[in-house]
Amino acid sequence: MRKDLSIVLDEARRNGARVPVASLVDQFYAAVQACGGNRWDTSSLIKLLRD
């Protein structure tokens, strides 16, 4: 997911587009990775937000 989000965020920067939700989701996935969840799926975001 972060690879795909990186592509989106890079393209948004080039085009001057604002994508605050994509940026926020990328930060959430960064937090998941920091917890050792590199291979966790999308449901890891729910766990992150509940804890």
N, C-alpha and C. Protein backbone atom coordinates (compact mmCIF):
# COMPACT_ATOMS: atom_id res chain seq x y z
N MET A 1 0.81 -1.20 0.00
CA MET A 1 0.00 0.00 0.00
C MET A 1 0.86 1.27 0.00
N ARG A 2 1.90 1.27 0.76
CA ARG A 2 2.70 2.49 0.83
C ARG A 2 3.38 2.79 -0.48
N LYS A 3 3.75 1.75 -1.21
CA LYS A 3 4.34 1.98 -2.54
C LYS A 3 3.33 2.69 -3.43
N ASP A 4 2.11 2.20 -3.44
CA ASP A 4 1.06 2.82 -4.26
C ASP A 4 0.74 4.23 -3.79
N LEU A 5 0.66 4.42 -2.49
CA LEU A 5 0.42 5.76 -1.97
C LEU A 5 1.56 6.70 -2.31
N SER A 6 2.77 6.19 -2.32
CA SER A 6 3.92 7.01 -2.69
C SER A 6 3.80 7.52 -4.12
N ILE A 7 3.33 6.65 -5.01
CA ILE A 7 3.13 7.06 -6.40
C ILE A 7 2.07 8.16 -6.47
N VAL A 8 0.97 7.98 -5.76
CA VAL A 8 -0.10 8.98 -5.73
C VAL A 8 0.41 10.31 -5.17
N LEU A 9 1.11 10.24 -4.05
CA LEU A 9 1.59 11.47 -3.41
C LEU A 9 2.63 12.19 -4.27
N ASP A 10 3.51 11.44 -4.92
CA ASP A 10 4.49 12.06 -5.82
C ASP A 10 3.80 12.75 -6.99
N GLU A 11 2.83 12.08 -7.57
CA GLU A 11 2.10 12.67 -8.70
C GLU A 11 1.31 13.89 -8.26
N ALA A 12 0.72 13.83 -7.09
CA ALA A 12 -0.02 14.98 -6.57
C ALA A 12 0.91 16.17 -6.37
N ARG A 13 2.11 15.92 -5.87
CA ARG A 13 3.08 17.02 -5.71
C ARG A 13 3.44 17.63 -7.06
N ARG A 14 3.65 16.77 -8.06
CA ARG A 14 3.99 17.28 -9.40
C ARG A 14 2.87 18.12 -9.99
N ASN A 15 1.63 17.72 -9.74
CA ASN A 15 0.48 18.40 -10.32
C ASN A 15 -0.07 19.52 -9.45
N GLY A 16 0.44 19.63 -8.25
CA GLY A 16 -0.06 20.65 -7.33
C GLY A 16 -1.42 20.28 -6.74
N ALA A 17 -1.77 19.00 -6.81
CA ALA A 17 -3.04 18.54 -6.25
C ALA A 17 -2.93 18.37 -4.74
N ARG A 18 -4.03 18.60 -4.07
CA ARG A 18 -4.07 18.40 -2.63
C ARG A 18 -4.79 17.08 -2.35
N VAL A 19 -4.12 16.21 -1.65
CA VAL A 19 -4.69 14.88 -1.33
C VAL A 19 -4.47 14.60 0.16
N PRO A 20 -5.15 15.36 1.01
CA PRO A 20 -4.90 15.22 2.45
C PRO A 20 -5.28 13.86 3.01
N VAL A 21 -6.31 13.24 2.49
CA VAL A 21 -6.71 11.93 3.00
C VAL A 21 -5.66 10.88 2.64
N ALA A 22 -5.15 10.94 1.42
CA ALA A 22 -4.09 10.00 1.02
C ALA A 22 -2.86 10.19 1.91
N SER A 23 -2.52 11.42 2.21
CA SER A 23 -1.38 11.69 3.09
C SER A 23 -1.61 11.13 4.49
N LEU A 24 -2.82 11.29 4.98
CA LEU A 24 -3.15 10.78 6.31
C LEU A 24 -3.08 9.25 6.34
N VAL A 25 -3.63 8.61 5.32
CA VAL A 25 -3.59 7.15 5.26
C VAL A 25 -2.15 6.66 5.17
N ASP A 26 -1.31 7.36 4.43
CA ASP A 26 0.10 6.99 4.35
C ASP A 26 0.76 7.08 5.72
N GLN A 27 0.41 8.09 6.49
CA GLN A 27 0.95 8.21 7.85
C GLN A 27 0.47 7.06 8.73
N PHE A 28 -0.78 6.66 8.56
CA PHE A 28 -1.29 5.51 9.32
C PHE A 28 -0.52 4.25 8.96
N TYR A 29 -0.30 4.03 7.67
CA TYR A 29 0.45 2.84 7.27
C TYR A 29 1.89 2.90 7.76
N ALA A 30 2.48 4.09 7.83
CA ALA A 30 3.83 4.23 8.38
C ALA A 30 3.83 3.80 9.84
N ALA A 31 2.79 4.16 10.58
CA ALA A 31 2.68 3.76 11.99
C ALA A 31 2.54 2.24 12.10
N VAL A 32 1.76 1.63 11.19
CA VAL A 32 1.61 0.18 11.19
C VAL A 32 2.97 -0.48 10.93
N GLN A 33 3.71 0.04 9.97
CA GLN A 33 5.04 -0.51 9.69
C GLN A 33 5.96 -0.37 10.88
N ALA A 34 5.88 0.74 11.58
CA ALA A 34 6.73 0.96 12.75
C ALA A 34 6.44 -0.05 13.86
N CYS A 35 5.22 -0.60 13.84
CA CYS A 35 4.83 -1.62 14.83
C CYS A 35 5.19 -3.02 14.35
N GLY A 36 5.89 -3.11 13.23
CA GLY A 36 6.27 -4.41 12.70
C GLY A 36 5.25 -5.02 11.76
N GLY A 37 4.31 -4.22 11.29
CA GLY A 37 3.23 -4.74 10.46
C GLY A 37 3.45 -4.58 8.97
N ASN A 38 4.65 -4.82 8.50
CA ASN A 38 4.94 -4.64 7.07
C ASN A 38 4.05 -5.46 6.15
N ARG A 39 3.65 -6.64 6.58
CA ARG A 39 2.86 -7.52 5.72
C ARG A 39 1.39 -7.57 6.12
N TRP A 40 0.96 -6.71 7.04
CA TRP A 40 -0.43 -6.71 7.46
C TRP A 40 -1.31 -6.14 6.36
N ASP A 41 -2.58 -6.52 6.37
CA ASP A 41 -3.49 -6.03 5.34
C ASP A 41 -4.18 -4.74 5.78
N THR A 42 -5.14 -4.31 4.99
CA THR A 42 -5.83 -3.05 5.24
C THR A 42 -6.53 -3.02 6.59
N SER A 43 -6.97 -4.17 7.09
CA SER A 43 -7.65 -4.19 8.38
C SER A 43 -6.74 -3.73 9.52
N SER A 44 -5.44 -3.68 9.28
CA SER A 44 -4.52 -3.19 10.31
C SER A 44 -4.81 -1.74 10.67
N LEU A 45 -5.39 -0.99 9.74
CA LEU A 45 -5.73 0.41 10.03
C LEU A 45 -6.79 0.48 11.11
N ILE A 46 -7.74 -0.44 11.09
CA ILE A 46 -8.77 -0.45 12.12
C ILE A 46 -8.15 -0.72 13.48
N LYS A 47 -7.24 -1.69 13.53
CA LYS A 47 -6.56 -2.00 14.79
C LYS A 47 -5.77 -0.80 15.27
N LEU A 48 -5.09 -0.13 14.37
CA LEU A 48 -4.29 1.04 14.73
C LEU A 48 -5.17 2.13 15.32
N LEU A 49 -6.31 2.38 14.70
CA LEU A 49 -7.19 3.45 15.15
C LEU A 49 -7.92 3.12 16.45
N ARG A 50 -8.13 1.83 16.72
CA ARG A 50 -8.80 1.44 17.96
C ARG A 50 -7.87 1.47 19.15
N ASP A 51 -6.59 1.19 18.95
CA ASP A 51 -5.63 1.11 20.07
C ASP A 51 -5.14 2.45 20.53
